[in-house]
C-alpha atoms as a PDB file:
ATOM      1  CA  MET A   1     -13.836   8.489  40.465  1.00  0.00           C
ATOM      2  CA  PRO A   2     -11.908   5.547  39.058  1.00  0.00           C
ATOM      3  CA  ILE A   3     -11.567   5.199  35.288  1.00  0.00           C
ATOM      4  CA  ARG A   4     -13.866   2.481  33.941  1.00  0.00           C
ATOM      5  CA  VAL A   5     -11.860   0.161  31.681  1.00  0.00           C
ATOM      6  CA  ILE A   6     -12.610  -2.860  29.502  1.00  0.00           C
ATOM      7  CA  GLN A   7      -9.729  -5.271  28.969  1.00  0.00           C
ATOM      8  CA  TRP A   8      -9.656  -6.645  25.408  1.00  0.00           C
ATOM      9  CA  ALA A   9      -7.746  -9.970  25.268  1.00  0.00           C
ATOM     10  CA  THR A  10      -5.989 -11.742  28.131  1.00  0.00           C
ATOM     11  CA  GLY A  11      -2.817 -13.246  26.689  1.00  0.00           C
ATOM     12  CA  THR A  12       0.652 -12.495  28.026  1.00  0.00           C
ATOM     13  CA  VAL A  13       0.375  -8.719  27.647  1.00  0.00           C
ATOM     14  CA  GLY A  14      -3.390  -8.520  28.195  1.00  0.00           C
ATOM     15  CA  GLY A  15      -3.187 -10.729  31.271  1.00  0.00           C
ATOM     16  CA  ALA A  16      -0.583  -8.472  32.846  1.00  0.00           C
ATOM     17  CA  ALA A  17      -2.767  -5.452  32.084  1.00  0.00           C
ATOM     18  CA  LEU A  18      -5.811  -7.212  33.529  1.00  0.00           C
ATOM     19  CA  ARG A  19      -4.042  -7.789  36.851  1.00  0.00           C
ATOM     20  CA  ALA A  20      -3.111  -4.104  37.003  1.00  0.00           C
ATOM     21  CA  LEU A  21      -6.647  -2.961  36.220  1.00  0.00           C
ATOM     22  CA  ILE A  22      -8.022  -5.166  38.998  1.00  0.00           C
ATOM     23  CA  THR A  23      -5.497  -4.243  41.667  1.00  0.00           C
ATOM     24  CA  ARG A  24      -4.887  -0.519  41.053  1.00  0.00           C
ATOM     25  CA  PRO A  25      -7.427   1.785  42.735  1.00  0.00           C
ATOM     26  CA  GLU A  26      -7.462   4.411  39.977  1.00  0.00           C
ATOM     27  CA  PHE A  27      -9.137   1.895  37.645  1.00  0.00           C
ATOM     28  CA  GLU A  28     -12.456   0.043  37.723  1.00  0.00           C
ATOM     29  CA  LEU A  29     -12.611  -3.061  35.557  1.00  0.00           C
ATOM     30  CA  VAL A  30     -16.066  -3.156  33.962  1.00  0.00           C
ATOM     31  CA  GLY A  31     -15.620  -5.735  31.224  1.00  0.00           C
ATOM     32  CA  VAL A  32     -13.332  -8.307  29.620  1.00  0.00           C
ATOM     33  CA  TYR A  33     -13.357  -9.506  26.015  1.00  0.00           C
ATOM     34  CA  VAL A  34     -11.755 -12.875  25.245  1.00  0.00           C
ATOM     35  CA  HIS A  35     -11.192 -14.870  22.070  1.00  0.00           C
ATOM     36  CA  ALA A  36     -10.905 -18.403  23.485  1.00  0.00           C
ATOM     37  CA  PRO A  37     -14.294 -20.125  23.990  1.00  0.00           C
ATOM     38  CA  ASP A  38     -13.085 -21.756  27.221  1.00  0.00           C
ATOM     39  CA  LYS A  39     -12.545 -18.300  28.770  1.00  0.00           C
ATOM     40  CA  VAL A  40     -16.065 -17.021  28.047  1.00  0.00           C
ATOM     41  CA  GLY A  41     -18.121 -16.697  31.222  1.00  0.00           C
ATOM     42  CA  ARG A  42     -15.156 -17.035  33.570  1.00  0.00           C
ATOM     43  CA  ASP A  43     -14.505 -14.406  36.225  1.00  0.00           C
ATOM     44  CA  ALA A  44     -11.866 -11.827  35.310  1.00  0.00           C
ATOM     45  CA  GLY A  45     -10.116 -12.384  38.625  1.00  0.00           C
ATOM     46  CA  GLU A  46      -9.748 -16.075  37.845  1.00  0.00           C
ATOM     47  CA  LEU A  47      -8.276 -15.267  34.410  1.00  0.00           C
ATOM     48  CA  ALA A  48      -5.784 -12.931  36.113  1.00  0.00           C
ATOM     49  CA  GLY A  49      -4.782 -15.483  38.747  1.00  0.00           C
ATOM     50  CA  LEU A  50      -6.569 -13.536  41.468  1.00  0.00           C
ATOM     51  CA  GLY A  51      -9.783 -13.993  43.427  1.00  0.00           C
ATOM     52  CA  ASP A  52     -13.187 -13.428  41.828  1.00  0.00           C
ATOM     53  CA  VAL A  53     -14.058  -9.796  41.146  1.00  0.00           C
ATOM     54  CA  GLY A  54     -17.589 -10.197  39.796  1.00  0.00           C
ATOM     55  CA  VAL A  55     -16.796  -9.328  36.148  1.00  0.00           C
ATOM     56  CA  ARG A  56     -17.437 -12.117  33.654  1.00  0.00           C
ATOM     57  CA  ALA A  57     -15.539 -12.442  30.383  1.00  0.00           C
ATOM     58  CA  THR A  58     -17.472 -12.254  27.129  1.00  0.00           C
ATOM     59  CA  GLY A  59     -16.768 -13.221  23.553  1.00  0.00           C
ATOM     60  CA  ASP A  60     -19.577 -11.037  22.193  1.00  0.00           C
ATOM     61  CA  ILE A  61     -18.303  -7.840  20.571  1.00  0.00           C
ATOM     62  CA  ASP A  62     -21.754  -6.260  20.560  1.00  0.00           C
ATOM     63  CA  GLU A  63     -21.916  -6.749  24.318  1.00  0.00           C
ATOM     64  CA  VAL A  64     -18.638  -4.864  24.682  1.00  0.00           C
ATOM     65  CA  LEU A  65     -19.812  -2.048  22.418  1.00  0.00           C
ATOM     66  CA  ALA A  66     -22.926  -1.646  24.579  1.00  0.00           C
ATOM     67  CA  MET A  67     -20.983  -1.434  27.865  1.00  0.00           C
ATOM     68  CA  GLU A  68     -20.540   1.870  29.684  1.00  0.00           C
ATOM     69  CA  ALA A  69     -16.796   2.450  29.905  1.00  0.00           C
ATOM     70  CA  ASP A  70     -14.253   5.228  29.638  1.00  0.00           C
ATOM     71  CA  CYS A  71     -11.542   3.237  27.874  1.00  0.00           C
ATOM     72  CA  VAL A  72     -10.730  -0.080  26.225  1.00  0.00           C
ATOM     73  CA  ALA A  73      -7.255  -1.578  26.753  1.00  0.00           C
ATOM     74  CA  HIS A  74      -7.045  -3.276  23.348  1.00  0.00           C
ATOM     75  CA  MET A  75      -4.292  -5.933  23.466  1.00  0.00           C
ATOM     76  CA  PRO A  76      -4.922  -8.850  21.086  1.00  0.00           C
ATOM     77  CA  LEU A  77      -2.268 -10.470  18.924  1.00  0.00           C
ATOM     78  CA  PRO A  78      -2.036  -8.095  15.938  1.00  0.00           C
ATOM     79  CA  SER A  79      -4.399  -8.958  13.107  1.00  0.00           C
ATOM     80  CA  ALA A  80      -1.830  -7.605  10.623  1.00  0.00           C
ATOM     81  CA  TYR A  81       0.016 -10.880  11.229  1.00  0.00           C
ATOM     82  CA  PHE A  82      -2.201 -13.327  13.086  1.00  0.00           C
ATOM     83  CA  SER A  83      -5.406 -12.978  11.080  1.00  0.00           C
ATOM     84  CA  GLU A  84      -6.279 -13.553   7.450  1.00  0.00           C
ATOM     85  CA  ASP A  85      -8.182 -10.279   7.838  1.00  0.00           C
ATOM     86  CA  SER A  86      -5.355  -7.779   8.293  1.00  0.00           C
ATOM     87  CA  ASP A  87      -7.818  -4.891   8.664  1.00  0.00           C
ATOM     88  CA  LEU A  88      -9.588  -6.456  11.652  1.00  0.00           C
ATOM     89  CA  ASP A  89      -7.799  -4.388  14.301  1.00  0.00           C
ATOM     90  CA  ALA A  90      -8.532  -1.122  12.493  1.00  0.00           C
ATOM     91  CA  ARG A  91     -12.226  -1.987  12.126  1.00  0.00           C
ATOM     92  CA  THR A  92     -12.487  -3.117  15.742  1.00  0.00           C
ATOM     93  CA  ILE A  93     -10.772   0.020  17.021  1.00  0.00           C
ATOM     94  CA  CYS A  94     -13.041   2.210  14.905  1.00  0.00           C
ATOM     95  CA  ALA A  95     -16.124   0.432  16.296  1.00  0.00           C
ATOM     96  CA  LEU A  96     -14.906   0.880  19.876  1.00  0.00           C
ATOM     97  CA  LEU A  97     -14.126   4.554  19.296  1.00  0.00           C
ATOM     98  CA  GLY A  98     -17.477   5.099  17.613  1.00  0.00           C
ATOM     99  CA  SER A  99     -19.245   3.615  20.647  1.00  0.00           C
ATOM    100  CA  GLY A 100     -17.815   6.397  22.812  1.00  0.00           C
ATOM    101  CA  LYS A 101     -14.822   4.627  24.361  1.00  0.00           C
ATOM    102  CA  ASN A 102     -11.237   5.843  24.350  1.00  0.00           C
ATOM    103  CA  VAL A 103      -8.822   3.176  23.109  1.00  0.00           C
ATOM    104  CA  VAL A 104      -5.254   2.361  24.087  1.00  0.00           C
ATOM    105  CA  THR A 105      -3.906  -0.375  21.802  1.00  0.00           C
ATOM    106  CA  THR A 106      -0.717  -2.442  21.642  1.00  0.00           C
ATOM    107  CA  THR A 107      -1.363  -3.576  18.038  1.00  0.00           C
ATOM    108  CA  GLY A 108       0.429  -0.656  16.387  1.00  0.00           C
ATOM    109  CA  PHE A 109      -1.130   2.706  15.464  1.00  0.00           C
ATOM    110  CA  THR A 110       1.702   4.581  17.181  1.00  0.00           C
ATOM    111  CA  TYR A 111       1.844   6.949  14.201  1.00  0.00           C
ATOM    112  CA  PRO A 112      -1.051   6.175  11.823  1.00  0.00           C
ATOM    113  CA  ARG A 113       0.012   9.003   9.506  1.00  0.00           C
ATOM    114  CA  ALA A 114       2.727   6.644   8.215  1.00  0.00           C
ATOM    115  CA  GLN A 115      -0.068   4.352   6.949  1.00  0.00           C
ATOM    116  CA  GLY A 116      -1.424   7.093   4.704  1.00  0.00           C
ATOM    117  CA  PRO A 117      -4.269   9.633   4.740  1.00  0.00           C
ATOM    118  CA  ALA A 118      -7.033   7.040   4.280  1.00  0.00           C
ATOM    119  CA  MET A 119      -6.202   5.319   7.581  1.00  0.00           C
ATOM    120  CA  VAL A 120      -5.916   8.648   9.383  1.00  0.00           C
ATOM    121  CA  ALA A 121      -9.300   9.730   8.027  1.00  0.00           C
ATOM    122  CA  ARG A 122     -10.973   6.499   9.205  1.00  0.00           C
ATOM    123  CA  LEU A 123      -9.577   6.749  12.704  1.00  0.00           C
ATOM    124  CA  GLU A 124     -10.240  10.469  13.073  1.00  0.00           C
ATOM    125  CA  ALA A 125     -13.834  10.002  11.898  1.00  0.00           C
ATOM    126  CA  ALA A 126     -14.401   7.290  14.500  1.00  0.00           C
ATOM    127  CA  CYS A 127     -12.842   9.465  17.223  1.00  0.00           C
ATOM    128  CA  ALA A 128     -15.099  12.350  16.223  1.00  0.00           C
ATOM    129  CA  GLU A 129     -18.178  10.112  16.216  1.00  0.00           C
ATOM    130  CA  GLY A 130     -17.521   8.900  19.750  1.00  0.00           C
ATOM    131  CA  GLY A 131     -15.933  12.096  21.076  1.00  0.00           C
ATOM    132  CA  VAL A 132     -12.911  10.086  22.232  1.00  0.00           C
ATOM    133  CA  SER A 133      -9.200   9.486  21.613  1.00  0.00           C
ATOM    134  CA  LEU A 134      -6.953   6.717  20.287  1.00  0.00           C
ATOM    135  CA  HIS A 135      -3.399   6.065  21.448  1.00  0.00           C
ATOM    136  CA  GLY A 136      -1.237   3.269  20.029  1.00  0.00           C
ATOM    137  CA  THR A 137       1.612   2.180  22.262  1.00  0.00           C
ATOM    138  CA  GLY A 138       2.705  -0.943  20.454  1.00  0.00           C
ATOM    139  CA  VAL A 139       4.136  -3.961  22.216  1.00  0.00           C
ATOM    140  CA  ASN A 140       7.326  -3.007  20.482  1.00  0.00           C
ATOM    141  CA  PRO A 141       7.854  -0.275  19.256  1.00  0.00           C
ATOM    142  CA  GLY A 142       6.670   1.758  22.158  1.00  0.00           C
ATOM    143  CA  PHE A 143       8.410   3.399  25.059  1.00  0.00           C
ATOM    144  CA  MET A 144      11.936   2.193  24.250  1.00  0.00           C
ATOM    145  CA  SER A 145      11.969   3.156  20.584  1.00  0.00           C
ATOM    146  CA  GLU A 146       9.904   6.348  20.745  1.00  0.00           C
ATOM    147  CA  VAL A 147       9.487   8.003  24.133  1.00  0.00           C
ATOM    148  CA  LEU A 148      13.000   7.182  25.358  1.00  0.00           C
ATOM    149  CA  PRO A 149      14.950   8.695  22.432  1.00  0.00           C
ATOM    150  CA  LEU A 150      12.643  11.703  22.223  1.00  0.00           C
ATOM    151  CA  THR A 151      13.077  12.338  25.924  1.00  0.00           C
ATOM    152  CA  VAL A 152      16.860  12.099  26.116  1.00  0.00           C
ATOM    153  CA  THR A 153      17.445  14.124  22.957  1.00  0.00           C
ATOM    154  CA  GLY A 154      16.377  17.054  25.113  1.00  0.00           C
ATOM    155  CA  LEU A 155      19.942  16.876  26.483  1.00  0.00           C
ATOM    156  CA  GLY A 156      21.458  17.811  23.123  1.00  0.00           C
ATOM    157  CA  MET A 157      22.253  21.183  21.622  1.00  0.00           C
ATOM    158  CA  ARG A 158      22.635  19.480  18.234  1.00  0.00           C
ATOM    159  CA  ILE A 159      21.542  16.010  17.088  1.00  0.00           C
ATOM    160  CA  ASP A 160      23.493  14.479  14.188  1.00  0.00           C
ATOM    161  CA  HIS A 161      22.565  10.810  14.438  1.00  0.00           C
ATOM    162  CA  ILE A 162      20.499   8.500  16.670  1.00  0.00           C
ATOM    163  CA  PHE A 163      21.252   4.795  17.033  1.00  0.00           C
ATOM    164  CA  LEU A 164      18.915   2.555  19.035  1.00  0.00           C
ATOM    165  CA  ARG A 165      19.545  -1.124  19.615  1.00  0.00           C
ATOM    166  CA  GLU A 166      17.049  -3.422  21.344  1.00  0.00           C
ATOM    167  CA  CYS A 167      17.940  -7.033  22.073  1.00  0.00           C
ATOM    168  CA  SER A 168      15.249  -9.300  23.538  1.00  0.00           C
ATOM    169  CA  ASP A 169      15.900 -12.640  25.230  1.00  0.00           C
ATOM    170  CA  LEU A 170      12.831 -14.833  24.701  1.00  0.00           C
ATOM    171  CA  ALA A 171      14.078 -17.851  26.670  1.00  0.00           C
ATOM    172  CA  GLY A 172      11.384 -17.450  29.332  1.00  0.00           C
ATOM    173  CA  ASN A 173       8.500 -16.607  26.973  1.00  0.00           C
ATOM    174  CA  PRO A 174       6.153 -19.646  26.894  1.00  0.00           C
ATOM    175  CA  SER A 175       4.003 -18.403  23.978  1.00  0.00           C
ATOM    176  CA  ARG A 176       4.588 -20.495  20.849  1.00  0.00           C
ATOM    177  CA  ASP A 177       2.200 -18.130  19.052  1.00  0.00           C
ATOM    178  CA  VAL A 178       4.734 -15.355  19.577  1.00  0.00           C
ATOM    179  CA  VAL A 179       8.106 -17.141  19.554  1.00  0.00           C
ATOM    180  CA  VAL A 180       7.394 -19.603  16.738  1.00  0.00           C
ATOM    181  CA  GLY A 181       4.245 -18.331  15.039  1.00  0.00           C
ATOM    182  CA  LEU A 182       5.066 -14.614  15.014  1.00  0.00           C
ATOM    183  CA  MET A 183       8.877 -14.469  15.040  1.00  0.00           C
ATOM    184  CA  GLY A 184       9.609 -17.748  13.269  1.00  0.00           C
ATOM    185  CA  LEU A 185      12.215 -18.968  15.762  1.00  0.00           C
ATOM    186  CA  SER A 186      12.856 -22.750  15.859  1.00  0.00           C
ATOM    187  CA  ARG A 187      11.893 -23.099  12.180  1.00  0.00           C
ATOM    188  CA  SER A 188      14.300 -24.299   9.504  1.00  0.00           C
ATOM    189  CA  PRO A 189      15.847 -21.412   7.517  1.00  0.00           C
ATOM    190  CA  GLU A 190      13.776 -22.396   4.485  1.00  0.00           C
ATOM    191  CA  ASP A 191      10.527 -22.622   6.466  1.00  0.00           C
ATOM    192  CA  TYR A 192      11.378 -19.404   8.281  1.00  0.00           C
ATOM    193  CA  GLU A 193      11.749 -17.489   5.024  1.00  0.00           C
ATOM    194  CA  ARG A 194       8.331 -18.659   3.850  1.00  0.00           C
ATOM    195  CA  ALA A 195       6.565 -18.207   7.183  1.00  0.00           C
ATOM    196  CA  ILE A 196       8.081 -14.839   8.049  1.00  0.00           C
ATOM    197  CA  ARG A 197       6.771 -12.898   5.045  1.00  0.00           C
ATOM    198  CA  PRO A 198       3.640 -11.562   6.809  1.00  0.00           C
ATOM    199  CA  PHE A 199       5.670 -10.767   9.938  1.00  0.00           C
ATOM    200  CA  ARG A 200       8.248  -8.929   7.850  1.00  0.00           C
ATOM    201  CA  ALA A 201       5.534  -6.681   6.409  1.00  0.00           C
ATOM    202  CA  PHE A 202       4.030  -6.128   9.862  1.00  0.00           C
ATOM    203  CA  HIS A 203       7.426  -5.476  11.471  1.00  0.00           C
ATOM    204  CA  GLU A 204       8.370  -2.945   8.808  1.00  0.00           C
ATOM    205  CA  GLN A 205       5.031  -1.191   9.231  1.00  0.00           C
ATOM    206  CA  ILE A 206       5.290  -0.727  12.992  1.00  0.00           C
ATOM    207  CA  TYR A 207       8.952   0.294  12.944  1.00  0.00           C
ATOM    208  CA  THR A 208       8.390   2.712  10.078  1.00  0.00           C
ATOM    209  CA  GLU A 209       5.607   4.301  12.143  1.00  0.00           C
ATOM    210  CA  SER A 210       7.938   4.508  15.128  1.00  0.00           C
ATOM    211  CA  ILE A 211      10.805   6.101  13.212  1.00  0.00           C
ATOM    212  CA  HIS A 212       8.554   8.675  11.535  1.00  0.00           C
ATOM    213  CA  LEU A 213       7.139   9.548  14.963  1.00  0.00           C
ATOM    214  CA  VAL A 214      10.629  10.197  16.330  1.00  0.00           C
ATOM    215  CA  ALA A 215      11.431  12.254  13.243  1.00  0.00           C
ATOM    216  CA  GLU A 216       8.319  14.418  13.752  1.00  0.00           C
ATOM    217  CA  GLY A 217       9.261  14.939  17.383  1.00  0.00           C
ATOM    218  CA  LEU A 218      12.651  16.233  16.225  1.00  0.00           C
ATOM    219  CA  GLY A 219      11.153  18.393  13.474  1.00  0.00           C
ATOM    220  CA  LEU A 220      12.597  16.266  10.661  1.00  0.00           C
ATOM    221  CA  GLU A 221      11.096  15.105   7.358  1.00  0.00           C
ATOM    222  CA  LEU A 222      12.636  11.818   6.243  1.00  0.00           C
ATOM    223  CA  ASP A 223      13.405  10.916   2.644  1.00  0.00           C
ATOM    224  CA  ASP A 224      13.502   7.163   3.106  1.00  0.00           C
ATOM    225  CA  VAL A 225      13.518   4.290   5.617  1.00  0.00           C
ATOM    226  CA  GLU A 226      15.539   1.275   4.424  1.00  0.00           C
ATOM    227  CA  ALA A 227      14.792  -2.125   5.991  1.00  0.00           C
ATOM    228  CA  ARG A 228      16.748  -5.380   6.067  1.00  0.00           C
ATOM    229  CA  ASP A 229      16.859  -8.518   8.228  1.00  0.00           C
ATOM    230  CA  GLU A 230      18.974 -11.629   8.778  1.00  0.00           C
ATOM    231  CA  VAL A 231      19.028 -14.748  10.980  1.00  0.00           C
ATOM    232  CA  ALA A 232      21.406 -16.842  13.069  1.00  0.00           C
ATOM    233  CA  THR A 233      20.976 -20.607  13.488  1.00  0.00           C
ATOM    234  CA  ALA A 234      21.437 -22.817  16.558  1.00  0.00           C
ATOM    235  CA  PRO A 235      24.767 -24.725  16.662  1.00  0.00           C
ATOM    236  CA  ALA A 236      23.118 -27.410  18.839  1.00  0.00           C
ATOM    237  CA  ALA A 237      19.658 -28.251  20.182  1.00  0.00           C
ATOM    238  CA  PHE A 238      18.442 -26.607  23.392  1.00  0.00           C
ATOM    239  CA  GLU A 239      15.238 -26.089  25.361  1.00  0.00           C
ATOM    240  CA  THR A 240      13.288 -22.873  25.912  1.00  0.00           C
ATOM    241  CA  ALA A 241       9.990 -22.138  27.628  1.00  0.00           C
ATOM    242  CA  ALA A 242       8.311 -22.193  24.187  1.00  0.00           C
ATOM    243  CA  GLY A 243       9.758 -25.595  23.253  1.00  0.00           C
ATOM    244  CA  THR A 244      12.831 -27.241  21.719  1.00  0.00           C
ATOM    245  CA  LEU A 245      15.077 -25.586  19.156  1.00  0.00           C
ATOM    246  CA  GLY A 246      16.828 -28.103  16.951  1.00  0.00           C
ATOM    247  CA  ALA A 247      20.370 -27.755  15.668  1.00  0.00           C
ATOM    248  CA  GLY A 248      20.427 -25.710  12.479  1.00  0.00           C
ATOM    249  CA  THR A 249      17.067 -24.043  13.097  1.00  0.00           C
ATOM    250  CA  VAL A 250      16.624 -20.284  13.336  1.00  0.00           C
ATOM    251  CA  ALA A 251      17.632 -19.215  16.849  1.00  0.00           C
ATOM    252  CA  ALA A 252      17.738 -15.420  16.433  1.00  0.00           C
ATOM    253  CA  SER A 253      16.835 -12.669  14.005  1.00  0.00           C
ATOM    254  CA  ARG A 254      18.182  -9.166  13.523  1.00  0.00           C
ATOM    255  CA  TRP A 255      16.186  -6.338  11.941  1.00  0.00           C
ATOM    256  CA  ASN A 256      17.707  -3.028  10.844  1.00  0.00           C
ATOM    257  CA  TYR A 257      15.942   0.193   9.841  1.00  0.00           C
ATOM    258  CA  LEU A 258      17.926   3.137   8.514  1.00  0.00           C
ATOM    259  CA  ALA A 259      16.240   6.524   8.030  1.00  0.00           C
ATOM    260  CA  THR A 260      17.967   9.056   5.792  1.00  0.00           C
ATOM    261  CA  ILE A 261      17.693  12.684   4.719  1.00  0.00           C
ATOM    262  CA  GLY A 262      19.531  13.653   1.534  1.00  0.00           C
ATOM    263  CA  GLY A 263      21.337  10.308   1.630  1.00  0.00           C
ATOM    264  CA  ARG A 264      22.642  10.959   5.136  1.00  0.00           C
ATOM    265  CA  PRO A 265      21.806   8.465   7.935  1.00  0.00           C
ATOM    266  CA  ILE A 266      19.793  10.170  10.675  1.00  0.00           C
ATOM    267  CA  ILE A 267      18.002   7.445  12.688  1.00  0.00           C
ATOM    268  CA  ASP A 268      19.313   3.878  12.854  1.00  0.00           C
ATOM    269  CA  VAL A 269      17.296   1.201  14.686  1.00  0.00           C
ATOM    270  CA  GLU A 270      18.463  -2.365  15.276  1.00  0.00           C
ATOM    271  CA  CYS A 271      16.121  -4.948  16.793  1.00  0.00           C
ATOM    272  CA  VAL A 272      17.385  -8.405  17.820  1.00  0.00           C
ATOM    273  CA  TYR A 273      15.235 -11.341  18.963  1.00  0.00           C
ATOM    274  CA  LYS A 274      17.050 -14.258  20.618  1.00  0.00           C
ATOM    275  CA  SER A 275      15.399 -17.543  21.492  1.00  0.00           C
ATOM    276  CA  ASP A 276      17.864 -17.866  24.387  1.00  0.00           C
ATOM    277  CA  ALA A 277      20.743 -15.443  24.816  1.00  0.00           C
ATOM    278  CA  ALA A 278      22.724 -18.062  26.754  1.00  0.00           C
ATOM    279  CA  HIS A 279      22.892 -20.219  23.615  1.00  0.00           C
ATOM    280  CA  VAL A 280      22.924 -17.524  20.915  1.00  0.00           C
ATOM    281  CA  ARG A 281      26.009 -15.322  21.075  1.00  0.00           C
ATOM    282  CA  PRO A 282      25.880 -13.200  17.865  1.00  0.00           C
ATOM    283  CA  TRP A 283      24.650  -9.595  17.967  1.00  0.00           C
ATOM    284  CA  GLY A 284      25.399  -8.713  21.561  1.00  0.00           C
ATOM    285  CA  ASP A 285      23.719  -9.051  24.932  1.00  0.00           C
ATOM    286  CA  PRO A 286      20.076  -8.422  25.868  1.00  0.00           C
ATOM    287  CA  GLY A 287      19.140  -4.868  26.755  1.00  0.00           C
ATOM    288  CA  VAL A 288      18.749  -1.474  25.153  1.00  0.00           C
ATOM    289  CA  VAL A 289      21.484   0.839  23.902  1.00  0.00           C
ATOM    290  CA  LEU A 290      20.686   4.387  22.794  1.00  0.00           C
ATOM    291  CA  ARG A 291      23.565   6.364  21.293  1.00  0.00           C
ATOM    292  CA  VAL A 292      23.108  10.015  20.340  1.00  0.00           C
ATOM    293  CA  GLU A 293      25.798  11.729  18.286  1.00  0.00           C
ATOM    294  CA  GLY A 294      25.925  15.506  18.213  1.00  0.00           C
ATOM    295  CA  LEU A 295      26.682  18.147  20.802  1.00  0.00           C
ATOM    296  CA  PRO A 296      27.232  16.506  23.208  1.00  0.00           C
ATOM    297  CA  ASP A 297      27.614  12.794  22.348  1.00  0.00           C
ATOM    298  CA  TYR A 298      26.142  10.377  24.881  1.00  0.00           C
ATOM    299  CA  VAL A 299      25.182   6.725  25.337  1.00  0.00           C
ATOM    300  CA  LEU A 300      22.383   5.326  27.486  1.00  0.00           C
ATOM    301  CA  ARG A 301      22.299   1.600  28.360  1.00  0.00           C
ATOM    302  CA  ILE A 302      19.522  -0.455  29.924  1.00  0.00           C
ATOM    303  CA  GLU A 303      21.168  -3.753  30.769  1.00  0.00           C
ATOM    304  CA  ASP A 304      18.095  -5.652  31.860  1.00  0.00           C
ATOM    305  CA  PHE A 305      14.428  -5.289  31.048  1.00  0.00           C
ATOM    306  CA  SER A 306      12.754  -8.541  31.977  1.00  0.00           C
ATOM    307  CA  PRO A 307      10.115  -9.592  31.384  1.00  0.00           C
ATOM    308  CA  GLY A 308       9.737  -7.004  28.662  1.00  0.00           C
ATOM    309  CA  LEU A 309       6.114  -7.839  27.891  1.00  0.00           C
ATOM    310  CA  ILE A 310       5.138  -6.796  31.416  1.00  0.00           C
ATOM    311  CA  GLY A 311       6.709  -3.416  30.677  1.00  0.00           C
ATOM    312  CA  ALA A 312       4.722  -3.222  27.438  1.00  0.00           C
ATOM    313  CA  ALA A 313       1.510  -3.833  29.390  1.00  0.00           C
ATOM    314  CA  ALA A 314       2.493  -1.290  32.056  1.00  0.00           C
ATOM    315  CA  TYR A 315       3.251   1.392  29.480  1.00  0.00           C
ATOM    316  CA  ALA A 316      -0.196   0.938  27.914  1.00  0.00           C
ATOM    317  CA  VAL A 317      -2.044   0.863  31.239  1.00  0.00           C
ATOM    318  CA  ASN A 318      -0.161   3.917  32.515  1.00  0.00           C
ATOM    319  CA  ALA A 319      -1.208   5.846  29.415  1.00  0.00           C
ATOM    320  CA  ILE A 320      -4.949   5.363  30.045  1.00  0.00           C
ATOM    321  CA  PRO A 321      -5.534   8.424  32.289  1.00  0.00           C
ATOM    322  CA  ALA A 322      -3.810  10.766  29.827  1.00  0.00           C
ATOM    323  CA  VAL A 323      -5.706   9.339  26.861  1.00  0.00           C
ATOM    324  CA  CYS A 324      -9.051   9.667  28.645  1.00  0.00           C
ATOM    325  CA  ALA A 325      -8.268  13.287  29.500  1.00  0.00           C
ATOM    326  CA  ALA A 326      -7.116  14.203  25.982  1.00  0.00           C
ATOM    327  CA  ALA A 327      -9.129  16.028  23.333  1.00  0.00           C
ATOM    328  CA  PRO A 328     -10.809  13.704  20.803  1.00  0.00           C
ATOM    329  CA  GLY A 329      -8.609  12.389  18.007  1.00  0.00           C
ATOM    330  CA  ILE A 330      -5.494  10.338  17.327  1.00  0.00           C
ATOM    331  CA  ARG A 331      -2.993  10.999  20.109  1.00  0.00           C
ATOM    332  CA  THR A 332       0.677  10.043  19.837  1.00  0.00           C
ATOM    333  CA  CYS A 333       3.227  10.265  22.625  1.00  0.00           C
ATOM    334  CA  LEU A 334       3.971  13.790  21.382  1.00  0.00           C
ATOM    335  CA  ASP A 335       0.445  14.917  22.278  1.00  0.00           C
ATOM    336  CA  LEU A 336      -0.065  13.498  25.776  1.00  0.00           C
ATOM    337  CA  PRO A 337       0.902  15.406  28.937  1.00  0.00           C
ATOM    338  CA  LEU A 338       2.150  12.290  30.733  1.00  0.00           C
ATOM    339  CA  ILE A 339       4.023  10.942  27.728  1.00  0.00           C
ATOM    340  CA  THR A 340       5.244  14.010  25.939  1.00  0.00           C
ATOM    341  CA  GLY A 341       8.421  12.618  24.335  1.00  0.00           C
ATOM    342  CA  ARG A 342      10.002  16.054  24.766  1.00  0.00           C
ATOM    343  CA  GLY A 343      10.956  16.377  28.384  1.00  0.00           C
ATOM    344  CA  THR A 344       9.544  14.679  31.431  1.00  0.00           C
ATOM    345  CA  VAL A 345       8.041  11.218  31.584  1.00  0.00           C
ATOM    346  CA  ARG A 346       5.885  10.796  34.696  1.00  0.00           C
ATOM    347  CA  LEU A 347       4.137   7.434  34.476  1.00  0.00           C
ATOM    348  CA  ALA A 348       1.961   6.691  37.520  1.00  0.00           C
END
């Protein structure tokens, strides 16, 4: 029987997931939750750019909680940044879990233990109440910063240091909510510094979770994770899908996270966001570089991953069968048979 899934939110990532849930035979779309009033009541197929499928979108949370479903694909813009109520995602996820639905979310929660025992206790209690599981994939972090390094480190006899660099080209991303609102690109440096404070806290939270997850997978206990960030400005004005960037405005940002044990660097993550890589030259080309130092040394490069948000949606959707089959509780990529992080990745 197909897995009955509710799609929560239909933005760039949620919309891509919605199309997959409609078109892939292993899933049955049974509900859609939307935030925008003009989407309420519309057919899910219409929202996905497909023909009608007979499932109407709702903006009523209680209606979603009452639905019979195996899983919710929870993909809103993260409340930790986009809402004055930063706890909204956690409360929503707990309500969904408590109603007896597994949850796969892209809003974080890749390693809730990094948020402290109180958060873990809340989520585990909700999982126990509903007899279901929670898996956080994250839009980013996610596969590239967690599953990929954990998988390829299986090639090493000894691991001394891991360096991961992700560079995203946002030239084709039309979402001003993400490019300007979330990442602060196209703002003046002064406005950026004021506006980016909530994003900085959110970014540090999700990357700290990701790094601690990798450390657990390698059997390491970290002493510290140091964070820093910087920006590059546009030398001249240019156009992107999200709008115009003026000369002197923030055109790219670079975020670095360094995890240490006994003062020694162990895991080093660099994340670069470029408004348009053709116009912003600092900090290298788009793609992913994973360098592992030890015995042996090796480097893995992914030169193109576009559009990356489609991959984020695919990773979450592909995790649904494993999450639904898992024992109740918080499930990281270390726990799931299809996303083990230790050997073979077999995403359907």
